[in-house]
Protein backbone atom coordinates (compact mmCIF):
# COMPACT_ATOMS: atom_id res chain seq x y z
CA MET A 1 -7.41 -11.42 4.34
CA GLU A 2 -7.37 -14.32 1.59
CA GLU A 3 -9.08 -17.22 2.29
CA LYS A 4 -6.63 -20.36 1.77
CA GLU A 5 -7.68 -22.64 -0.48
CA ILE A 6 -9.06 -26.49 0.62
CA PHE A 7 -8.03 -29.28 -0.41
CA ILE A 8 -9.94 -32.64 -0.13
CA ALA A 9 -7.30 -34.60 0.52
CA GLY A 10 -8.02 -38.74 -0.39
CA ALA A 11 -10.40 -38.23 -3.15
CA ALA A 12 -10.23 -41.86 -4.11
CA SER A 13 -12.50 -42.68 -0.19
CA ILE A 14 -15.53 -40.77 -2.09
CA PHE A 15 -18.37 -40.58 -5.45
CA GLY A 16 -19.52 -37.22 -6.32
CA LEU A 17 -17.37 -34.74 -6.25
CA SER A 18 -19.47 -32.37 -7.98
CA GLU A 19 -21.99 -32.50 -5.58
CA ILE A 20 -19.51 -32.06 -2.44
CA LYS A 21 -18.15 -29.53 -4.77
CA ARG A 22 -21.35 -27.84 -4.62
CA ALA A 23 -22.29 -28.39 -1.01
CA PHE A 24 -18.72 -26.69 0.18
CA ALA A 25 -20.12 -24.14 -2.08
CA THR A 26 -23.04 -23.43 0.34
CA LEU A 27 -21.14 -22.84 2.85
CA GLY A 28 -19.03 -20.28 1.31
CA THR A 29 -15.87 -22.37 0.94
CA HIS A 30 -14.55 -23.38 -2.67
CA ALA A 31 -12.94 -26.93 -2.36
CA SER A 32 -10.35 -28.90 -4.58
CA PHE A 33 -9.33 -32.33 -4.73
CA VAL A 34 -6.24 -34.13 -4.38
CA GLU A 35 -5.42 -37.58 -3.92
CA ALA A 36 -1.39 -39.11 -3.45
CA PRO A 37 -0.15 -41.10 -7.32
CA PHE A 38 0.36 -43.94 -5.54
CA MET A 39 -3.27 -44.82 -4.99
CA LEU A 40 -3.49 -45.31 -8.86
CA ASP A 41 -2.08 -48.86 -8.98
CA TYR A 42 -5.14 -50.02 -6.79
CA VAL A 43 -8.48 -47.71 -7.25
CA THR A 44 -10.38 -46.25 -10.51
CA ILE A 45 -11.01 -43.01 -9.50
CA GLN A 46 -14.71 -41.90 -11.46
CA GLU A 47 -13.78 -38.38 -11.38
CA ASP A 48 -16.47 -35.68 -12.10
CA GLU A 49 -14.71 -32.96 -10.73
CA PRO A 50 -10.46 -32.27 -11.53
CA VAL A 51 -8.27 -34.43 -8.93
CA LEU A 52 -4.62 -33.22 -8.69
CA PHE A 53 -2.44 -36.47 -8.13
CA LYS A 54 0.77 -35.65 -5.68
CA ASN A 55 2.29 -36.41 -2.85
CA GLU A 56 1.90 -32.59 -0.88
CA VAL A 57 0.37 -29.34 -1.75
CA SER A 58 1.18 -25.69 -1.21
CA SER A 59 2.21 -25.09 2.31
CA ASP A 60 -0.61 -22.19 2.07
CA ALA A 61 -3.77 -24.44 1.56
CA ILE A 62 -5.81 -26.43 3.92
CA ILE A 63 -6.36 -30.47 3.84
CA ILE A 64 -9.38 -32.19 4.89
CA PRO A 65 -8.15 -35.55 5.26
CA LEU A 66 -9.81 -38.75 4.09
CA THR A 67 -7.17 -41.40 4.38
CA GLU A 68 -4.84 -42.43 6.91
CA PHE A 69 -2.14 -40.73 4.20
CA TRP A 70 -3.32 -37.51 4.10
CA ILE A 71 -3.41 -37.35 8.68
CA SER A 72 0.17 -38.25 8.11
CA TYR A 73 1.11 -35.21 6.05
CA CYS A 74 -1.47 -33.05 8.68
CA VAL A 75 0.30 -34.53 11.61
CA ARG A 76 3.65 -33.79 9.36
CA THR A 77 3.00 -29.72 8.07
CA ARG A 78 -0.26 -29.03 10.18
CA CYS A 79 -1.90 -27.91 6.37
CA CYS A 80 -5.00 -28.58 8.72
CA LEU A 81 -7.60 -26.72 10.20
CA ILE A 82 -7.73 -29.91 13.06
CA SER A 83 -6.97 -29.37 16.27
CA ASP A 84 -3.14 -30.87 17.73
CA LYS A 85 -5.90 -33.25 20.35
CA ALA A 86 -8.08 -34.92 17.04
CA LEU A 87 -4.71 -35.37 15.28
CA ALA A 88 -2.46 -36.85 18.39
CA ALA A 89 -5.71 -39.05 18.92
CA SER A 90 -6.02 -40.13 15.54
CA ARG A 91 -1.98 -41.84 16.20
CA SER A 92 -2.25 -42.78 19.18
CA LYS A 93 -5.70 -44.76 20.82
CA LYS A 94 -3.89 -44.78 24.44
CA TYR A 95 -3.98 -40.99 23.83
CA LEU A 96 -7.33 -40.63 23.21
CA TYR A 97 -8.47 -43.02 25.57
CA GLU A 98 -6.39 -41.20 28.47
CA LEU A 99 -7.63 -38.15 27.10
CA PHE A 100 -11.56 -39.07 27.58
CA ALA A 101 -10.57 -40.55 31.18
CA SER A 102 -9.59 -37.60 32.49
CA LEU A 103 -12.62 -35.69 30.95
CA GLY A 104 -15.16 -38.14 33.14
CA ILE A 105 -15.79 -39.69 29.68
CA ASP A 106 -16.54 -43.81 30.16
CA SER A 107 -13.29 -44.92 28.56
CA VAL A 108 -11.10 -48.05 27.67
CA LYS A 109 -9.53 -49.08 30.60
CA ILE A 110 -5.69 -49.36 29.72
CA TYR A 111 -3.23 -51.95 31.23
CA ASP A 112 -0.79 -50.62 33.39
CA SER A 113 0.87 -54.30 32.75
CA VAL A 114 1.56 -57.51 30.73
CA GLU A 115 0.78 -58.94 34.57
CA GLN A 116 -2.50 -57.01 35.16
CA ALA A 117 -3.54 -58.13 31.77
CA HIS A 118 -2.80 -61.56 32.51
CA ARG A 119 -4.51 -61.60 36.08
CA ALA A 120 -7.67 -60.51 33.96
CA LEU A 121 -7.40 -63.48 31.87
CA ALA A 122 -7.64 -65.66 34.73
CA GLN A 123 -10.78 -64.24 35.94
CA GLY A 124 -12.14 -65.26 32.62
CA LEU A 125 -11.39 -61.79 30.70
CA SER A 126 -11.02 -60.92 27.41
CA VAL A 127 -7.89 -58.34 26.40
CA VAL A 128 -7.31 -56.50 23.64
CA VAL A 129 -3.86 -56.24 21.94
CA LYS A 130 -3.46 -53.02 20.19
CA PRO A 131 -0.32 -51.82 18.15
CA LEU A 132 1.05 -48.48 19.15
CA GLY A 133 0.59 -45.42 16.29
CA LEU A 134 -1.02 -48.14 14.08
CA CYS A 135 -4.68 -47.88 12.42
CA SER A 136 -8.35 -49.20 12.27
CA GLY A 137 -7.60 -53.45 13.14
CA LEU A 138 -4.14 -53.31 11.88
CA GLY A 139 -1.90 -55.72 14.19
CA VAL A 140 -5.34 -55.75 17.00
CA GLU A 141 -5.95 -59.08 18.48
CA VAL A 142 -8.15 -60.53 20.83
CA VAL A 143 -7.02 -62.54 23.96
CA THR A 144 -9.86 -64.56 25.17
CA ALA A 145 -9.58 -66.20 28.36
CA ASP A 146 -9.73 -70.14 27.02
CA LYS A 147 -6.18 -68.69 25.28
CA LYS A 148 -4.68 -67.04 28.05
CA GLU A 149 -1.60 -68.72 26.78
CA LYS A 150 -1.25 -66.69 23.67
CA LEU A 151 -0.84 -63.29 25.34
CA ASP A 152 2.97 -62.69 25.42
CA ALA A 153 3.43 -63.51 21.96
CA TYR A 154 0.83 -60.83 20.88
CA VAL A 155 2.40 -58.47 22.90
CA GLU A 156 5.69 -59.06 21.42
CA HIS A 157 4.45 -59.00 17.47
CA SER A 158 2.56 -56.04 17.98
CA ALA A 159 5.07 -54.03 18.70
CA THR A 160 6.87 -54.92 16.07
CA ILE A 161 4.86 -55.45 12.93
CA LYS A 162 5.77 -53.55 9.70
CA THR A 163 3.76 -53.61 6.66
CA LYS A 164 3.57 -51.88 3.14
CA ASN A 165 0.76 -50.19 3.92
CA MET A 166 2.30 -48.81 6.85
CA ARG A 167 5.14 -47.49 4.51
CA LEU A 168 3.00 -45.93 2.56
CA MET A 169 0.78 -44.24 5.06
CA GLN A 170 3.14 -43.10 6.94
CA LEU A 171 2.70 -44.89 10.31
CA GLN A 172 4.55 -45.59 13.18
CA ASN A 173 4.45 -48.47 15.11
CA GLU A 174 5.67 -47.53 18.57
CA GLY A 175 4.96 -50.62 20.51
CA CYS A 176 1.68 -51.91 22.56
CA MET A 177 -1.08 -51.26 24.76
CA ILE A 178 -3.16 -53.95 26.71
CA THR A 179 -6.55 -52.94 27.05
CA GLU A 180 -10.12 -54.17 28.65
CA TYR A 181 -12.18 -55.75 26.30
CA VAL A 182 -15.19 -53.95 26.10
CA ALA A 183 -18.36 -56.20 25.70
CA GLY A 184 -21.42 -55.19 23.65
CA GLN A 185 -23.05 -54.36 19.96
CA GLU A 186 -20.16 -52.45 17.89
CA TYR A 187 -20.76 -49.51 15.31
CA SER A 188 -19.19 -47.22 13.64
CA ALA A 189 -19.30 -43.53 12.45
CA ASP A 190 -18.79 -40.44 9.98
CA CYS A 191 -19.17 -37.03 10.87
CA PHE A 192 -18.26 -34.00 9.27
CA TYR A 193 -17.00 -30.74 12.25
CA PHE A 194 -17.29 -27.07 10.16
CA LYS A 195 -15.99 -24.64 13.23
CA GLY A 196 -18.41 -25.46 15.82
CA ARG A 197 -21.19 -27.48 13.61
CA ILE A 198 -21.43 -31.07 13.80
CA SER A 199 -23.49 -33.56 11.36
CA VAL A 200 -23.36 -37.46 11.29
CA VAL A 201 -22.75 -38.75 7.80
CA ARG A 202 -23.86 -42.70 8.84
CA VAL A 203 -24.09 -44.88 11.48
CA CYS A 204 -23.35 -48.38 10.71
CA LYS A 205 -24.01 -51.26 12.96
CA LYS A 206 -21.27 -54.38 12.65
CA LYS A 207 -21.43 -57.56 13.29
CA ILE A 208 -18.02 -58.66 13.89
CA VAL A 209 -16.23 -61.58 14.13
CA LEU A 210 -12.41 -62.93 15.47
CA ILE A 211 -10.54 -64.68 12.85
CA ASN A 212 -7.50 -66.39 13.79
CA ASP A 213 -7.89 -64.16 16.66
CA LYS A 214 -7.81 -60.83 14.68
CA PRO A 215 -11.63 -59.07 14.49
CA CYS A 216 -13.17 -58.80 11.46
CA VAL A 217 -16.69 -57.15 10.68
CA VAL A 218 -18.47 -59.42 8.38
CA VAL A 219 -21.75 -57.45 8.09
CA TYR A 220 -22.25 -53.51 8.51
CA GLN A 221 -25.93 -52.86 8.45
CA LEU A 222 -26.71 -49.09 7.90
CA VAL A 223 -28.98 -48.15 11.18
CA LYS A 224 -30.85 -44.36 12.18
CA PRO A 225 -28.86 -43.08 15.42
CA CYS A 226 -30.76 -42.72 18.44
CA VAL A 227 -30.64 -40.12 20.44
CA GLN A 228 -27.92 -41.38 22.95
CA ILE A 229 -25.57 -42.44 20.30
CA GLU A 230 -26.10 -39.02 18.39
CA ALA A 231 -25.22 -36.81 21.91
CA LYS A 232 -21.68 -39.30 21.84
CA LEU A 233 -20.93 -38.39 18.74
CA ALA A 234 -21.46 -34.95 19.77
CA GLU A 235 -19.91 -35.32 22.86
CA TRP A 236 -16.82 -36.85 21.78
CA MET A 237 -16.54 -34.30 18.60
CA ASN A 238 -16.38 -31.16 20.71
CA VAL A 239 -13.25 -32.50 23.03
CA LEU A 240 -11.62 -33.34 20.20
CA PHE A 241 -11.77 -30.63 17.81
CA GLU A 242 -12.00 -26.74 18.24
CA LYS A 243 -14.29 -24.31 16.84
CA GLN A 244 -12.17 -23.37 14.23
CA ASN A 245 -12.27 -26.58 12.98
CA ILE A 246 -12.94 -27.86 9.91
CA SER A 247 -13.06 -31.76 9.76
CA PHE A 248 -14.08 -35.37 8.55
CA ALA A 249 -14.42 -37.46 11.95
CA GLN A 250 -14.42 -41.71 12.14
CA PHE A 251 -15.27 -43.40 14.91
CA ASP A 252 -15.61 -47.21 16.42
CA PHE A 253 -17.68 -47.67 19.64
CA ILE A 254 -19.52 -50.29 21.53
CA VAL A 255 -22.91 -50.19 22.80
CA ASN A 256 -23.88 -52.17 26.19
CA ASN A 257 -27.53 -51.65 26.70
CA GLU A 258 -27.02 -54.45 30.00
CA THR A 259 -24.36 -51.79 31.58
CA ASN A 260 -25.34 -48.29 29.67
CA ARG A 261 -21.99 -48.03 28.41
CA ILE A 262 -21.22 -46.20 25.04
CA VAL A 263 -17.19 -46.37 24.99
CA PRO A 264 -15.44 -45.54 21.95
CA VAL A 265 -12.92 -47.73 21.09
CA ASP A 266 -11.38 -46.02 17.97
CA PHE A 267 -10.89 -43.15 16.37
CA ALA A 268 -9.42 -40.86 13.32
CA CYS A 269 -10.16 -37.45 11.49
CA ARG A 270 -11.18 -39.06 8.55
CA ILE A 271 -13.82 -41.26 6.91
CA GLY A 272 -14.46 -44.74 7.23
CA GLY A 273 -13.09 -46.77 4.99
CA GLY A 274 -14.82 -50.14 2.42
CA LEU A 275 -18.30 -48.50 2.88
CA THR A 276 -18.30 -46.79 -0.88
CA GLU A 277 -20.94 -49.53 -2.31
CA LEU A 278 -23.52 -49.72 0.36
CA LEU A 279 -23.26 -45.68 0.43
CA LYS A 280 -24.15 -45.54 -2.93
CA GLN A 281 -27.29 -47.78 -2.82
CA THR A 282 -28.61 -44.94 -0.36
CA GLY A 283 -30.10 -42.81 -3.84
CA ALA A 284 -28.22 -39.94 -2.18
CA ASN A 285 -24.33 -38.59 -1.14
CA PRO A 286 -23.68 -38.96 3.18
CA TYR A 287 -21.13 -36.91 2.53
CA ALA A 288 -22.48 -33.91 0.20
CA ASP A 289 -25.13 -34.02 2.77
CA ALA A 290 -23.62 -33.72 6.02
CA ILE A 291 -21.67 -30.74 4.75
CA LYS A 292 -24.85 -29.23 4.24
CA GLY A 293 -26.05 -30.31 7.63
CA THR A 294 -28.57 -32.81 5.69
CA CYS A 295 -29.75 -36.33 6.30
CA ARG A 296 -31.63 -38.95 3.28
CA GLU A 297 -29.48 -41.65 3.70
CA TYR A 298 -32.48 -43.59 6.36
CA ASP A 299 -35.51 -42.88 3.75
CA GLY A 300 -35.26 -45.19 1.58
CA GLY A 301 -37.66 -47.67 4.41
CA LYS A 302 -35.48 -50.49 4.35
CA ILE A 303 -32.23 -51.57 6.25
CA LEU A 304 -29.42 -51.53 3.91
CA THR A 305 -27.04 -53.77 4.51
CA GLN A 306 -22.94 -55.06 3.78
CA LEU A 307 -22.44 -58.83 3.68
CA ASN A 308 -18.31 -59.15 3.61
CA TYR A 309 -17.08 -62.06 1.74
CA LEU A 310 -13.64 -63.03 3.73
CA SER A 311 -10.48 -65.12 3.24
CA THR A 312 -9.89 -67.44 6.82
CA LYS A 313 -6.10 -67.84 5.37
CA SER A 314 -3.58 -66.00 2.78
CA GLY A 315 -2.81 -67.62 -0.36
CA HIS A 316 -4.14 -68.23 -4.07
CA LEU A 317 -7.91 -69.12 -4.99
CA LEU A 318 -8.60 -72.60 -6.15
CA ARG A 319 -12.65 -71.62 -6.81
CA ASP A 320 -14.20 -68.93 -7.02
CA ASP A 321 -17.89 -70.03 -6.42
CA PHE A 322 -18.64 -68.69 -3.71
CA LYS A 323 -22.08 -69.01 -3.12
CA LEU A 324 -23.03 -65.34 -2.53
CA ALA A 325 -26.42 -64.21 -1.20
CA GLU A 326 -28.81 -62.81 -2.58
CA GLY A 327 -28.75 -58.89 -3.59
CA THR A 328 -26.34 -56.05 -5.41
CA GLN A 329 -23.09 -58.57 -5.60
CA PHE A 330 -19.47 -57.06 -6.16
CA VAL A 331 -17.03 -59.61 -6.72
CA TYR A 332 -13.58 -58.25 -5.95
CA LYS A 333 -11.14 -61.65 -6.52
CA HIS A 334 -11.37 -64.81 -9.38
CA ILE A 335 -9.61 -68.18 -9.66
CA GLY A 336 -5.69 -67.77 -9.70
CA ASP A 337 -6.16 -64.04 -7.54
CA TYR A 338 -3.86 -63.90 -4.37
CA VAL A 339 -6.30 -63.49 -0.95
CA ILE A 340 -4.95 -62.11 2.62
CA ASN A 341 -6.04 -62.84 6.06
CA ASN A 342 -5.92 -58.98 6.93
CA PRO A 343 -9.39 -57.42 8.42
CA SER A 344 -7.75 -53.96 8.91
CA SER A 345 -7.67 -53.58 5.15
CA VAL A 346 -10.31 -53.24 2.24
CA GLY A 347 -8.45 -55.35 0.02
CA SER A 348 -8.89 -58.49 1.97
CA ARG A 349 -12.33 -58.63 0.44
CA THR A 350 -13.26 -61.67 -1.35
CA ALA A 351 -16.86 -60.27 -2.46
CA ILE A 352 -19.48 -58.08 -0.82
CA VAL A 353 -23.23 -58.17 -1.09
CA ILE A 354 -25.84 -54.86 -0.59
CA GLN A 355 -29.17 -56.23 0.87
CA GLN A 356 -32.06 -54.24 1.55
CA ARG A 357 -33.29 -55.77 4.67
CA ASP A 358 -36.71 -55.41 6.59
CA SER A 359 -35.30 -55.46 9.73
CA GLU A 360 -32.02 -55.27 11.45
CA GLU A 361 -32.61 -59.19 12.42
CA LEU A 362 -29.96 -61.63 10.69
CA PRO A 363 -29.75 -65.01 10.16
CA ASP A 364 -27.73 -66.84 13.31
CA GLY A 365 -24.60 -68.23 11.99
CA ILE A 366 -24.87 -66.08 8.67
CA GLU A 367 -20.91 -65.27 9.29
CA LYS A 368 -20.51 -69.34 8.81
CA LYS A 369 -21.55 -68.69 5.31
CA LEU A 370 -18.97 -65.28 4.45
CA LEU A 371 -15.83 -66.75 5.45
CA ILE A 372 -13.32 -68.23 2.50
CA ASP A 373 -11.41 -70.70 4.30
CA GLU A 374 -9.21 -73.89 2.77
CA ALA A 375 -11.78 -75.52 0.48
CA TRP A 376 -11.10 -72.72 -1.88
CA ILE A 377 -7.33 -71.18 -1.01
CA LYS A 378 -4.27 -73.01 -1.72
């Protein structure tokens, strides 16, 4: 039987397409690249392979989605080799948490009611409000005990979020859920699943701050995963995927060494966004390497660190003297440009700096130097 054509869908999200194509060839698979036409309004694709710009492919093709738009396409058409569980978990964190909990895997606790969440706040705990059906950090808000009076308003707002990005990515907001706040060090990881074989693309340690009660990543550090993290990633992947599947997967998870917890808080059957500049600095192509089952991005001897300069409010830039840290600098916004306070969007970055550091240690209060506030924004 002739093998179906495979499309890597979301070509704007990756680099080194020729190398990725050659990596798939080592698996006996011919891969082509496709991207949604609307992405041309937001990115410039550096093509070293032909990219088809279209919103759909033949019903005989197989999609490997790299973005939320193409996950939506796979949910709708099932033109993929991705399990129903993985697709459902991409769209519902409630499903993800309940699936893992049902299998005895440490998972995020979901509160049964707003009243239960209020009781947790009264005990000095924090809670997280999440929209159902959305992705990444879109609409996520953290309510701390000292701001417990905000919970009801955040729950009401969460259930009614509508954005242009949701329309483009074909996301449906299906309500709201409230969960425990899992304390600890947050990480994110991309993995690749190929017919039972699991490869890690990259693991990043993150520094999170709350901007207007929204969790925002101000620092990514490319770090080598410990044995325990690798084991957990494999465990989660083997639950979500089936032996014949081919897919990338992105996880956000919390590591708490004091309680010995490693808890997944987010998942999608795609790759993480906003890391192209960081991964290019490795001198490798982590996507191609993972497809081949190898890994070279930790060979440099330095901790590659990405500093994200984020706006604390939306508005037009009055100044662009951001006093960037030393390193490889990328400036995305200038005087007169409109900046947004939207932590789930790569477009919210005003600038980034990539550094090579000797260790994972960061200066105290580094986040204060990474926030663009009313001194710059009208």
